[in-house]
PDB file of all heavy atoms in Angstrom:
ATOM      1  N   MET A   1     314.809  49.851 158.327  1.00  0.00           N
ATOM      2  CA  MET A   1     314.892  51.124 159.032  1.00  0.00           C
ATOM      3  C   MET A   1     314.946  52.288 158.047  1.00  0.00           C
ATOM      4  O   MET A   1     314.363  53.350 158.301  1.00  0.00           O
ATOM      5  CB  MET A   1     316.128  51.148 159.940  1.00  0.00           C
ATOM      6  CG  MET A   1     315.979  50.350 161.223  1.00  0.00           C
ATOM      7  SD  MET A   1     314.606  50.915 162.270  1.00  0.00           S
ATOM      8  CE  MET A   1     315.082  52.618 162.575  1.00  0.00           C
ATOM      9  N   MET A   2     315.633  52.090 156.924  1.00  0.00           N
ATOM     10  CA  MET A   2     315.687  53.132 155.900  1.00  0.00           C
ATOM     11  C   MET A   2     314.288  53.412 155.355  1.00  0.00           C
ATOM     12  O   MET A   2     313.931  54.557 155.069  1.00  0.00           O
ATOM     13  CB  MET A   2     316.630  52.717 154.766  1.00  0.00           C
ATOM     14  CG  MET A   2     318.103  52.795 155.116  1.00  0.00           C
ATOM     15  SD  MET A   2     318.694  54.482 155.417  1.00  0.00           S
ATOM     16  CE  MET A   2     318.629  55.150 153.745  1.00  0.00           C
ATOM     17  N   GLN A   3     313.488  52.354 155.223  1.00  0.00           N
ATOM     18  CA  GLN A   3     312.103  52.538 154.794  1.00  0.00           C
ATOM     19  C   GLN A   3     311.326  53.341 155.830  1.00  0.00           C
ATOM     20  O   GLN A   3     310.543  54.230 155.486  1.00  0.00           O
ATOM     21  CB  GLN A   3     311.428  51.176 154.600  1.00  0.00           C
ATOM     22  CG  GLN A   3     311.846  50.431 153.345  1.00  0.00           C
ATOM     23  CD  GLN A   3     311.111  49.110 153.230  1.00  0.00           C
ATOM     24  OE1 GLN A   3     311.001  48.353 154.189  1.00  0.00           O
ATOM     25  NE2 GLN A   3     310.609  48.826 152.053  1.00  0.00           N
ATOM     26  N   LYS A   4     311.540  53.014 157.098  1.00  0.00           N
ATOM     27  CA  LYS A   4     310.780  53.651 158.171  1.00  0.00           C
ATOM     28  C   LYS A   4     311.083  55.145 158.289  1.00  0.00           C
ATOM     29  O   LYS A   4     310.176  55.957 158.554  1.00  0.00           O
ATOM     30  CB  LYS A   4     311.075  52.951 159.500  1.00  0.00           C
ATOM     31  CG  LYS A   4     310.239  53.480 160.654  1.00  0.00           C
ATOM     32  CD  LYS A   4     310.444  52.658 161.913  1.00  0.00           C
ATOM     33  CE  LYS A   4     309.534  53.172 163.037  1.00  0.00           C
ATOM     34  NZ  LYS A   4     309.658  52.359 164.257  1.00  0.00           N
ATOM     35  N   ILE A   5     312.359  55.522 158.119  1.00  0.00           N
ATOM     36  CA  ILE A   5     312.727  56.932 158.284  1.00  0.00           C
ATOM     37  C   ILE A   5     312.644  57.717 156.977  1.00  0.00           C
ATOM     38  O   ILE A   5     313.007  58.893 156.941  1.00  0.00           O
ATOM     39  CB  ILE A   5     314.145  57.067 158.882  1.00  0.00           C
ATOM     40  CG1 ILE A   5     315.209  56.556 157.900  1.00  0.00           C
ATOM     41  CG2 ILE A   5     314.239  56.346 160.224  1.00  0.00           C
ATOM     42  CD1 ILE A   5     316.639  56.788 158.370  1.00  0.00           C
ATOM     43  N   GLN A   6     312.172  57.061 155.905  1.00  0.00           N
ATOM     44  CA  GLN A   6     312.080  57.729 154.611  1.00  0.00           C
ATOM     45  C   GLN A   6     311.296  59.046 154.674  1.00  0.00           C
ATOM     46  O   GLN A   6     311.716  60.045 154.072  1.00  0.00           O
ATOM     47  CB  GLN A   6     311.447  56.795 153.571  1.00  0.00           C
ATOM     48  CG  GLN A   6     311.469  57.330 152.144  1.00  0.00           C
ATOM     49  CD  GLN A   6     312.867  57.607 151.628  1.00  0.00           C
ATOM     50  OE1 GLN A   6     313.814  56.896 151.969  1.00  0.00           O
ATOM     51  NE2 GLN A   6     313.017  58.644 150.821  1.00  0.00           N
ATOM     52  N   PRO A   7     310.157  59.116 155.386  1.00  0.00           N
ATOM     53  CA  PRO A   7     309.450  60.405 155.480  1.00  0.00           C
ATOM     54  C   PRO A   7     310.307  61.508 156.094  1.00  0.00           C
ATOM     55  O   PRO A   7     310.227  62.669 155.664  1.00  0.00           O
ATOM     56  CB  PRO A   7     308.252  60.081 156.393  1.00  0.00           C
ATOM     57  CG  PRO A   7     308.029  58.618 156.194  1.00  0.00           C
ATOM     58  CD  PRO A   7     309.396  58.034 156.038  1.00  0.00           C
ATOM     59  N   HIS A   8     311.148  61.158 157.074  1.00  0.00           N
ATOM     60  CA  HIS A   8     312.035  62.151 157.695  1.00  0.00           C
ATOM     61  C   HIS A   8     313.115  62.592 156.704  1.00  0.00           C
ATOM     62  O   HIS A   8     313.493  63.770 156.680  1.00  0.00           O
ATOM     63  CB  HIS A   8     312.699  61.558 158.940  1.00  0.00           C
ATOM     64  CG  HIS A   8     311.732  61.141 159.999  1.00  0.00           C
ATOM     65  ND1 HIS A   8     310.965  62.038 160.712  1.00  0.00           N
ATOM     66  CD2 HIS A   8     311.396  59.914 160.462  1.00  0.00           C
ATOM     67  CE1 HIS A   8     310.200  61.393 161.570  1.00  0.00           C
ATOM     68  NE2 HIS A   8     310.439  60.099 161.448  1.00  0.00           N
ATOM     69  N   ILE A   9     313.588  61.651 155.906  1.00  0.00           N
ATOM     70  CA  ILE A   9     314.594  61.976 154.885  1.00  0.00           C
ATOM     71  C   ILE A   9     314.015  62.946 153.869  1.00  0.00           C
ATOM     72  O   ILE A   9     314.647  63.951 153.504  1.00  0.00           O
ATOM     73  CB  ILE A   9     315.085  60.691 154.180  1.00  0.00           C
ATOM     74  CG1 ILE A   9     315.864  59.812 155.167  1.00  0.00           C
ATOM     75  CG2 ILE A   9     315.953  61.040 152.969  1.00  0.00           C
ATOM     76  CD1 ILE A   9     316.285  58.468 154.594  1.00  0.00           C
ATOM     77  N   GLU A  10     312.795  62.674 153.426  1.00  0.00           N
ATOM     78  CA  GLU A  10     312.127  63.557 152.459  1.00  0.00           C
ATOM     79  C   GLU A  10     311.900  64.942 153.050  1.00  0.00           C
ATOM     80  O   GLU A  10     312.042  65.965 152.358  1.00  0.00           O
ATOM     81  CB  GLU A  10     310.798  62.938 152.038  1.00  0.00           C
ATOM     82  CG  GLU A  10     310.938  61.657 151.233  1.00  0.00           C
ATOM     83  CD  GLU A  10     309.600  60.983 150.955  1.00  0.00           C
ATOM     84  OE1 GLU A  10     308.558  61.658 151.069  1.00  0.00           O
ATOM     85  OE2 GLU A  10     309.593  59.784 150.632  1.00  0.00           O
ATOM     86  N   GLU A  11     311.565  64.987 154.336  1.00  0.00           N
ATOM     87  CA  GLU A  11     311.334  66.272 155.011  1.00  0.00           C
ATOM     88  C   GLU A  11     312.615  67.096 155.057  1.00  0.00           C
ATOM     89  O   GLU A  11     312.607  68.309 154.809  1.00  0.00           O
ATOM     90  CB  GLU A  11     310.826  66.015 156.427  1.00  0.00           C
ATOM     91  CG  GLU A  11     310.457  67.273 157.188  1.00  0.00           C
ATOM     92  CD  GLU A  11     309.956  66.981 158.590  1.00  0.00           C
ATOM     93  OE1 GLU A  11     309.490  65.849 158.836  1.00  0.00           O
ATOM     94  OE2 GLU A  11     310.045  67.893 159.436  1.00  0.00           O
ATOM     95  N   ILE A  12     313.740  66.428 155.367  1.00  0.00           N
ATOM     96  CA  ILE A  12     315.030  67.124 155.409  1.00  0.00           C
ATOM     97  C   ILE A  12     315.414  67.619 154.021  1.00  0.00           C
ATOM     98  O   ILE A  12     315.889  68.753 153.854  1.00  0.00           O
ATOM     99  CB  ILE A  12     316.127  66.184 155.961  1.00  0.00           C
ATOM    100  CG1 ILE A  12     315.878  65.908 157.449  1.00  0.00           C
ATOM    101  CG2 ILE A  12     317.519  66.778 155.755  1.00  0.00           C
ATOM    102  CD1 ILE A  12     316.792  64.842 158.035  1.00  0.00           C
ATOM    103  N   GLN A  13     315.223  66.779 153.011  1.00  0.00           N
ATOM    104  CA  GLN A  13     315.563  67.168 151.639  1.00  0.00           C
ATOM    105  C   GLN A  13     314.749  68.368 151.178  1.00  0.00           C
ATOM    106  O   GLN A  13     315.245  69.251 150.476  1.00  0.00           O
ATOM    107  CB  GLN A  13     315.341  65.978 150.697  1.00  0.00           C
ATOM    108  CG  GLN A  13     316.339  64.844 150.905  1.00  0.00           C
ATOM    109  CD  GLN A  13     316.005  63.610 150.095  1.00  0.00           C
ATOM    110  OE1 GLN A  13     314.837  63.374 149.750  1.00  0.00           O
ATOM    111  NE2 GLN A  13     317.009  62.797 149.804  1.00  0.00           N
ATOM    112  N   LYS A  14     313.481  68.392 151.569  1.00  0.00           N
ATOM    113  CA  LYS A  14     312.594  69.503 151.187  1.00  0.00           C
ATOM    114  C   LYS A  14     312.937  70.773 151.962  1.00  0.00           C
ATOM    115  O   LYS A  14     312.978  71.875 151.402  1.00  0.00           O
ATOM    116  CB  LYS A  14     311.146  69.106 151.450  1.00  0.00           C
ATOM    117  CG  LYS A  14     310.131  70.151 150.990  1.00  0.00           C
ATOM    118  CD  LYS A  14     308.708  69.654 151.233  1.00  0.00           C
ATOM    119  CE  LYS A  14     307.687  70.693 150.772  1.00  0.00           C
ATOM    120  NZ  LYS A  14     306.292  70.225 150.990  1.00  0.00           N
ATOM    121  N   LYS A  15     313.220  70.600 153.258  1.00  0.00           N
ATOM    122  CA  LYS A  15     313.501  71.742 154.133  1.00  0.00           C
ATOM    123  C   LYS A  15     314.802  72.440 153.766  1.00  0.00           C
ATOM    124  O   LYS A  15     314.909  73.671 153.841  1.00  0.00           O
ATOM    125  CB  LYS A  15     313.550  71.258 155.582  1.00  0.00           C
ATOM    126  CG  LYS A  15     313.786  72.360 156.604  1.00  0.00           C
ATOM    127  CD  LYS A  15     313.800  71.763 158.013  1.00  0.00           C
ATOM    128  CE  LYS A  15     314.070  72.836 159.064  1.00  0.00           C
ATOM    129  NZ  LYS A  15     314.100  72.252 160.437  1.00  0.00           N
ATOM    130  N   HIS A  16     315.802  71.661 153.364  1.00  0.00           N
ATOM    131  CA  HIS A  16     317.124  72.226 153.062  1.00  0.00           C
ATOM    132  C   HIS A  16     317.519  71.990 151.600  1.00  0.00           C
ATOM    133  O   HIS A  16     318.677  71.687 151.315  1.00  0.00           O
ATOM    134  CB  HIS A  16     318.168  71.615 153.993  1.00  0.00           C
ATOM    135  CG  HIS A  16     317.897  71.814 155.448  1.00  0.00           C
ATOM    136  ND1 HIS A  16     317.964  73.034 156.067  1.00  0.00           N
ATOM    137  CD2 HIS A  16     317.514  70.923 156.409  1.00  0.00           C
ATOM    138  CE1 HIS A  16     317.675  72.907 157.358  1.00  0.00           C
ATOM    139  NE2 HIS A  16     317.388  71.634 157.585  1.00  0.00           N
ATOM    140  N   LYS A  17     316.559  72.122 150.713  1.00  0.00           N
ATOM    141  CA  LYS A  17     316.835  71.852 149.296  1.00  0.00           C
ATOM    142  C   LYS A  17     317.848  72.831 148.696  1.00  0.00           C
ATOM    143  O   LYS A  17     318.523  72.521 147.706  1.00  0.00           O
ATOM    144  CB  LYS A  17     315.548  71.884 148.488  1.00  0.00           C
ATOM    145  CG  LYS A  17     314.818  73.221 148.500  1.00  0.00           C
ATOM    146  CD  LYS A  17     313.546  73.135 147.676  1.00  0.00           C
ATOM    147  CE  LYS A  17     312.789  74.458 147.686  1.00  0.00           C
ATOM    148  NZ  LYS A  17     311.550  74.387 146.878  1.00  0.00           N
ATOM    149  N   ASP A  18     317.987  74.002 149.324  1.00  0.00           N
ATOM    150  CA  ASP A  18     318.925  75.006 148.807  1.00  0.00           C
ATOM    151  C   ASP A  18     320.224  75.058 149.605  1.00  0.00           C
ATOM    152  O   ASP A  18     321.094  75.887 149.337  1.00  0.00           O
ATOM    153  CB  ASP A  18     318.271  76.400 148.816  1.00  0.00           C
ATOM    154  CG  ASP A  18     317.055  76.472 147.905  1.00  0.00           C
ATOM    155  OD1 ASP A  18     317.105  75.860 146.815  1.00  0.00           O
ATOM    156  OD2 ASP A  18     316.054  77.113 148.285  1.00  0.00           O
ATOM    157  N   ASP A  19     320.343  74.188 150.605  1.00  0.00           N
ATOM    158  CA  ASP A  19     321.547  74.153 151.441  1.00  0.00           C
ATOM    159  C   ASP A  19     322.001  72.691 151.567  1.00  0.00           C
ATOM    160  O   ASP A  19     321.632  71.987 152.509  1.00  0.00           O
ATOM    161  CB  ASP A  19     321.261  74.752 152.816  1.00  0.00           C
ATOM    162  CG  ASP A  19     322.528  74.960 153.646  1.00  0.00           C
ATOM    163  OD1 ASP A  19     323.558  74.325 153.327  1.00  0.00           O
ATOM    164  OD2 ASP A  19     322.481  75.726 154.618  1.00  0.00           O
ATOM    165  N   LYS A  20     322.805  72.251 150.625  1.00  0.00           N
ATOM    166  CA  LYS A  20     323.228  70.847 150.577  1.00  0.00           C
ATOM    167  C   LYS A  20     324.076  70.452 151.782  1.00  0.00           C
ATOM    168  O   LYS A  20     324.015  69.305 152.240  1.00  0.00           O
ATOM    169  CB  LYS A  20     324.015  70.574 149.278  1.00  0.00           C
ATOM    170  CG  LYS A  20     323.209  70.801 148.010  1.00  0.00           C
ATOM    171  CD  LYS A  20     321.992  69.867 147.963  1.00  0.00           C
ATOM    172  CE  LYS A  20     321.199  70.055 146.683  1.00  0.00           C
ATOM    173  NZ  LYS A  20     319.975  69.202 146.649  1.00  0.00           N
ATOM    174  N   GLU A  21     324.868  71.398 152.287  1.00  0.00           N
ATOM    175  CA  GLU A  21     325.713  71.086 153.442  1.00  0.00           C
ATOM    176  C   GLU A  21     324.852  70.829 154.678  1.00  0.00           C
ATOM    177  O   GLU A  21     325.065  69.854 155.410  1.00  0.00           O
ATOM    178  CB  GLU A  21     326.676  72.239 153.704  1.00  0.00           C
ATOM    179  CG  GLU A  21     327.649  71.951 154.844  1.00  0.00           C
ATOM    180  CD  GLU A  21     328.657  73.065 155.057  1.00  0.00           C
ATOM    181  OE1 GLU A  21     328.713  73.989 154.211  1.00  0.00           O
ATOM    182  OE2 GLU A  21     329.375  73.022 156.081  1.00  0.00           O
ATOM    183  N   LYS A  22     323.869  71.696 154.919  1.00  0.00           N
ATOM    184  CA  LYS A  22     322.958  71.530 156.052  1.00  0.00           C
ATOM    185  C   LYS A  22     322.149  70.242 155.892  1.00  0.00           C
ATOM    186  O   LYS A  22     321.901  69.505 156.855  1.00  0.00           O
ATOM    187  CB  LYS A  22     322.025  72.738 156.134  1.00  0.00           C
ATOM    188  CG  LYS A  22     321.040  72.710 157.303  1.00  0.00           C
ATOM    189  CD  LYS A  22     321.736  72.848 158.638  1.00  0.00           C
ATOM    190  CE  LYS A  22     320.728  72.963 159.771  1.00  0.00           C
ATOM    191  NZ  LYS A  22     321.378  73.031 161.092  1.00  0.00           N
ATOM    192  N   GLN A  23     321.745  69.974 154.655  1.00  0.00           N
ATOM    193  CA  GLN A  23     320.983  68.753 154.365  1.00  0.00           C
ATOM    194  C   GLN A  23     321.802  67.516 154.710  1.00  0.00           C
ATOM    195  O   GLN A  23     321.288  66.579 155.344  1.00  0.00           O
ATOM    196  CB  GLN A  23     320.587  68.738 152.885  1.00  0.00           C
ATOM    197  CG  GLN A  23     319.715  67.569 152.482  1.00  0.00           C
ATOM    198  CD  GLN A  23     319.423  67.549 150.992  1.00  0.00           C
ATOM    199  OE1 GLN A  23     319.812  66.619 150.268  1.00  0.00           O
ATOM    200  NE2 GLN A  23     318.736  68.577 150.513  1.00  0.00           N
ATOM    201  N   ALA A  24     323.070  67.514 154.308  1.00  0.00           N
ATOM    202  CA  ALA A  24     323.940  66.364 154.566  1.00  0.00           C
ATOM    203  C   ALA A  24     324.164  66.165 156.066  1.00  0.00           C
ATOM    204  O   ALA A  24     324.149  65.029 156.562  1.00  0.00           O
ATOM    205  CB  ALA A  24     325.277  66.559 153.859  1.00  0.00           C
ATOM    206  N   LEU A  25     324.351  67.266 156.803  1.00  0.00           N
ATOM    207  CA  LEU A  25     324.573  67.177 158.243  1.00  0.00           C
ATOM    208  C   LEU A  25     323.356  66.607 158.966  1.00  0.00           C
ATOM    209  O   LEU A  25     323.486  65.770 159.867  1.00  0.00           O
ATOM    210  CB  LEU A  25     324.920  68.563 158.810  1.00  0.00           C
ATOM    211  CG  LEU A  25     326.311  69.112 158.447  1.00  0.00           C
ATOM    212  CD1 LEU A  25     326.455  70.549 158.919  1.00  0.00           C
ATOM    213  CD2 LEU A  25     327.412  68.234 159.048  1.00  0.00           C
ATOM    214  N   GLU A  26     322.170  67.055 158.587  1.00  0.00           N
ATOM    215  CA  GLU A  26     320.948  66.560 159.235  1.00  0.00           C
ATOM    216  C   GLU A  26     320.664  65.112 158.856  1.00  0.00           C
ATOM    217  O   GLU A  26     320.135  64.345 159.661  1.00  0.00           O
ATOM    218  CB  GLU A  26     319.755  67.459 158.877  1.00  0.00           C
ATOM    219  CG  GLU A  26     319.820  68.826 159.520  1.00  0.00           C
ATOM    220  CD  GLU A  26     318.448  69.430 159.744  1.00  0.00           C
ATOM    221  OE1 GLU A  26     317.435  68.702 159.632  1.00  0.00           O
ATOM    222  OE2 GLU A  26     318.391  70.646 160.039  1.00  0.00           O
ATOM    223  N   MET A  27     321.019  64.746 157.636  1.00  0.00           N
ATOM    224  CA  MET A  27     320.847  63.354 157.204  1.00  0.00           C
ATOM    225  C   MET A  27     321.760  62.441 158.016  1.00  0.00           C
ATOM    226  O   MET A  27     321.336  61.372 158.474  1.00  0.00           O
ATOM    227  CB  MET A  27     321.165  63.225 155.707  1.00  0.00           C
ATOM    228  CG  MET A  27     320.168  63.917 154.804  1.00  0.00           C
ATOM    229  SD  MET A  27     318.728  62.920 154.427  1.00  0.00           S
ATOM    230  CE  MET A  27     319.361  61.926 153.099  1.00  0.00           C
ATOM    231  N   MET A  28     323.008  62.874 158.213  1.00  0.00           N
ATOM    232  CA  MET A  28     323.953  62.073 158.982  1.00  0.00           C
ATOM    233  C   MET A  28     323.489  61.940 160.434  1.00  0.00           C
ATOM    234  O   MET A  28     323.621  60.869 161.044  1.00  0.00           O
ATOM    235  CB  MET A  28     325.349  62.708 158.922  1.00  0.00           C
ATOM    236  CG  MET A  28     326.012  62.593 157.552  1.00  0.00           C
ATOM    237  SD  MET A  28     327.603  63.441 157.456  1.00  0.00           S
ATOM    238  CE  MET A  28     328.571  62.458 158.586  1.00  0.00           C
ATOM    239  N   ALA A  29     322.921  63.023 160.969  1.00  0.00           N
ATOM    240  CA  ALA A  29     322.407  62.985 162.336  1.00  0.00           C
ATOM    241  C   ALA A  29     321.222  62.030 162.447  1.00  0.00           C
ATOM    242  O   ALA A  29     321.081  61.299 163.433  1.00  0.00           O
ATOM    243  CB  ALA A  29     321.998  64.390 162.776  1.00  0.00           C
ATOM    244  N   LEU A  30     320.376  62.030 161.425  1.00  0.00           N
ATOM    245  CA  LEU A  30     319.222  61.131 161.402  1.00  0.00           C
ATOM    246  C   LEU A  30     319.668  59.679 161.335  1.00  0.00           C
ATOM    247  O   LEU A  30     319.139  58.823 162.064  1.00  0.00           O
ATOM    248  CB  LEU A  30     318.325  61.467 160.201  1.00  0.00           C
ATOM    249  CG  LEU A  30     317.064  60.607 160.023  1.00  0.00           C
ATOM    250  CD1 LEU A  30     316.078  60.867 161.154  1.00  0.00           C
ATOM    251  CD2 LEU A  30     316.411  60.893 158.666  1.00  0.00           C
ATOM    252  N   TRP A  31     320.641  59.380 160.466  1.00  0.00           N
ATOM    253  CA  TRP A  31     321.163  58.014 160.350  1.00  0.00           C
ATOM    254  C   TRP A  31     321.776  57.557 161.673  1.00  0.00           C
ATOM    255  O   TRP A  31     321.585  56.415 162.101  1.00  0.00           O
ATOM    256  CB  TRP A  31     322.208  57.941 159.245  1.00  0.00           C
ATOM    257  CG  TRP A  31     321.643  58.174 157.872  1.00  0.00           C
ATOM    258  CD1 TRP A  31     320.357  57.972 157.465  1.00  0.00           C
ATOM    259  CD2 TRP A  31     322.347  58.663 156.737  1.00  0.00           C
ATOM    260  NE1 TRP A  31     320.212  58.309 156.140  1.00  0.00           N
ATOM    261  CE2 TRP A  31     321.416  58.734 155.656  1.00  0.00           C
ATOM    262  CE3 TRP A  31     323.658  59.071 156.493  1.00  0.00           C
ATOM    263  CZ2 TRP A  31     321.765  59.175 154.378  1.00  0.00           C
ATOM    264  CZ3 TRP A  31     324.013  59.508 155.223  1.00  0.00           C
ATOM    265  CH2 TRP A  31     323.073  59.554 154.182  1.00  0.00           C
ATOM    266  N   LYS A  32     322.509  58.478 162.327  1.00  0.00           N
ATOM    267  CA  LYS A  32     323.144  58.140 163.600  1.00  0.00           C
ATOM    268  C   LYS A  32     322.096  57.876 164.678  1.00  0.00           C
ATOM    269  O   LYS A  32     322.230  56.938 165.480  1.00  0.00           O
ATOM    270  CB  LYS A  32     324.073  59.276 164.028  1.00  0.00           C
ATOM    271  CG  LYS A  32     324.865  58.965 165.290  1.00  0.00           C
ATOM    272  CD  LYS A  32     325.831  60.106 165.629  1.00  0.00           C
ATOM    273  CE  LYS A  32     326.630  59.772 166.881  1.00  0.00           C
ATOM    274  NZ  LYS A  32     327.583  60.873 167.220  1.00  0.00           N
ATOM    275  N   GLU A  33     321.047  58.693 164.698  1.00  0.00           N
ATOM    276  CA  GLU A  33     319.987  58.541 165.703  1.00  0.00           C
ATOM    277  C   GLU A  33     319.301  57.184 165.599  1.00  0.00           C
ATOM    278  O   GLU A  33     318.996  56.540 166.605  1.00  0.00           O
ATOM    279  CB  GLU A  33     318.948  59.658 165.524  1.00  0.00           C
ATOM    280  CG  GLU A  33     317.778  59.561 166.496  1.00  0.00           C
ATOM    281  CD  GLU A  33     316.683  60.574 166.197  1.00  0.00           C
ATOM    282  OE1 GLU A  33     316.916  61.473 165.347  1.00  0.00           O
ATOM    283  OE2 GLU A  33     315.598  60.462 166.802  1.00  0.00           O
ATOM    284  N   HIS A  34     319.073  56.741 164.369  1.00  0.00           N
ATOM    285  CA  HIS A  34     318.369  55.470 164.149  1.00  0.00           C
ATOM    286  C   HIS A  34     319.329  54.307 163.888  1.00  0.00           C
ATOM    287  O   HIS A  34     318.891  53.214 163.533  1.00  0.00           O
ATOM    288  CB  HIS A  34     317.391  55.612 162.981  1.00  0.00           C
ATOM    289  CG  HIS A  34     316.243  56.539 163.272  1.00  0.00           C
ATOM    290  ND1 HIS A  34     315.103  56.115 163.920  1.00  0.00           N
ATOM    291  CD2 HIS A  34     316.079  57.860 163.016  1.00  0.00           C
ATOM    292  CE1 HIS A  34     314.274  57.141 164.045  1.00  0.00           C
ATOM    293  NE2 HIS A  34     314.828  58.206 163.511  1.00  0.00           N
ATOM    294  N   LYS A  35     320.640  54.577 164.050  1.00  0.00           N
ATOM    295  CA  LYS A  35     321.673  53.552 163.862  1.00  0.00           C
ATOM    296  C   LYS A  35     321.571  52.896 162.489  1.00  0.00           C
ATOM    297  O   LYS A  35     321.539  51.667 162.346  1.00  0.00           O
ATOM    298  CB  LYS A  35     321.572  52.490 164.966  1.00  0.00           C
ATOM    299  CG  LYS A  35     321.772  53.062 166.361  1.00  0.00           C
ATOM    300  CD  LYS A  35     321.624  51.998 167.428  1.00  0.00           C
ATOM    301  CE  LYS A  35     321.791  52.586 168.822  1.00  0.00           C
ATOM    302  NZ  LYS A  35     321.632  51.561 169.882  1.00  0.00           N
ATOM    303  N   VAL A  36     321.504  53.740 161.475  1.00  0.00           N
ATOM    304  CA  VAL A  36     321.366  53.282 160.097  1.00  0.00           C
ATOM    305  C   VAL A  36     322.618  53.632 159.312  1.00  0.00           C
ATOM    306  O   VAL A  36     323.157  54.729 159.439  1.00  0.00           O
ATOM    307  CB  VAL A  36     320.135  53.941 159.422  1.00  0.00           C
ATOM    308  CG1 VAL A  36     320.118  53.650 157.932  1.00  0.00           C
ATOM    309  CG2 VAL A  36     318.853  53.441 160.062  1.00  0.00           C
ATOM    310  N   ASN A  37     323.084  52.679 158.506  1.00  0.00           N
ATOM    311  CA  ASN A  37     324.212  52.920 157.603  1.00  0.00           C
ATOM    312  C   ASN A  37     323.712  52.754 156.175  1.00  0.00           C
ATOM    313  O   ASN A  37     323.433  51.634 155.747  1.00  0.00           O
ATOM    314  CB  ASN A  37     325.349  51.940 157.883  1.00  0.00           C
ATOM    315  CG  ASN A  37     326.545  52.157 156.968  1.00  0.00           C
ATOM    316  OD1 ASN A  37     326.532  53.019 156.093  1.00  0.00           O
ATOM    317  ND2 ASN A  37     327.584  51.363 157.163  1.00  0.00           N
ATOM    318  N   PRO A  38     323.577  53.838 155.424  1.00  0.00           N
ATOM    319  CA  PRO A  38     323.038  53.743 154.059  1.00  0.00           C
ATOM    320  C   PRO A  38     323.912  52.934 153.104  1.00  0.00           C
ATOM    321  O   PRO A  38     323.471  52.554 152.033  1.00  0.00           O
ATOM    322  CB  PRO A  38     322.952  55.208 153.613  1.00  0.00           C
ATOM    323  CG  PRO A  38     323.951  55.916 154.460  1.00  0.00           C
ATOM    324  CD  PRO A  38     323.940  55.217 155.784  1.00  0.00           C
ATOM    325  N   PHE A  39     325.147  52.661 153.507  1.00  0.00           N
ATOM    326  CA  PHE A  39     326.067  51.906 152.652  1.00  0.00           C
ATOM    327  C   PHE A  39     326.205  50.451 153.086  1.00  0.00           C
ATOM    328  O   PHE A  39     327.034  49.718 152.554  1.00  0.00           O
ATOM    329  CB  PHE A  39     327.447  52.578 152.658  1.00  0.00           C
ATOM    330  CG  PHE A  39     327.418  54.032 152.293  1.00  0.00           C
ATOM    331  CD1 PHE A  39     327.615  54.999 153.266  1.00  0.00           C
ATOM    332  CD2 PHE A  39     327.182  54.439 150.990  1.00  0.00           C
ATOM    333  CE1 PHE A  39     327.576  56.352 152.945  1.00  0.00           C
ATOM    334  CE2 PHE A  39     327.144  55.784 150.650  1.00  0.00           C
ATOM    335  CZ  PHE A  39     327.348  56.746 151.627  1.00  0.00           C
ATOM    336  N   SER A  40     325.398  50.025 154.065  1.00  0.00           N
ATOM    337  CA  SER A  40     325.532  48.664 154.590  1.00  0.00           C
ATOM    338  C   SER A  40     325.209  47.606 153.539  1.00  0.00           C
ATOM    339  O   SER A  40     325.762  46.512 153.560  1.00  0.00           O
ATOM    340  CB  SER A  40     324.648  48.468 155.820  1.00  0.00           C
ATOM    341  OG  SER A  40     323.280  48.512 155.472  1.00  0.00           O
TER     342      SER A  40
END
């Protein structure tokens, strides 16, 4: 699943490259939406 959503992760990183807090919030929302735990 992490492989599948990688393009979305890259998009978020690019979109909020100057706002790390916003980037982290959107990343967490993306992980929650796809039921992914990056630390699993």
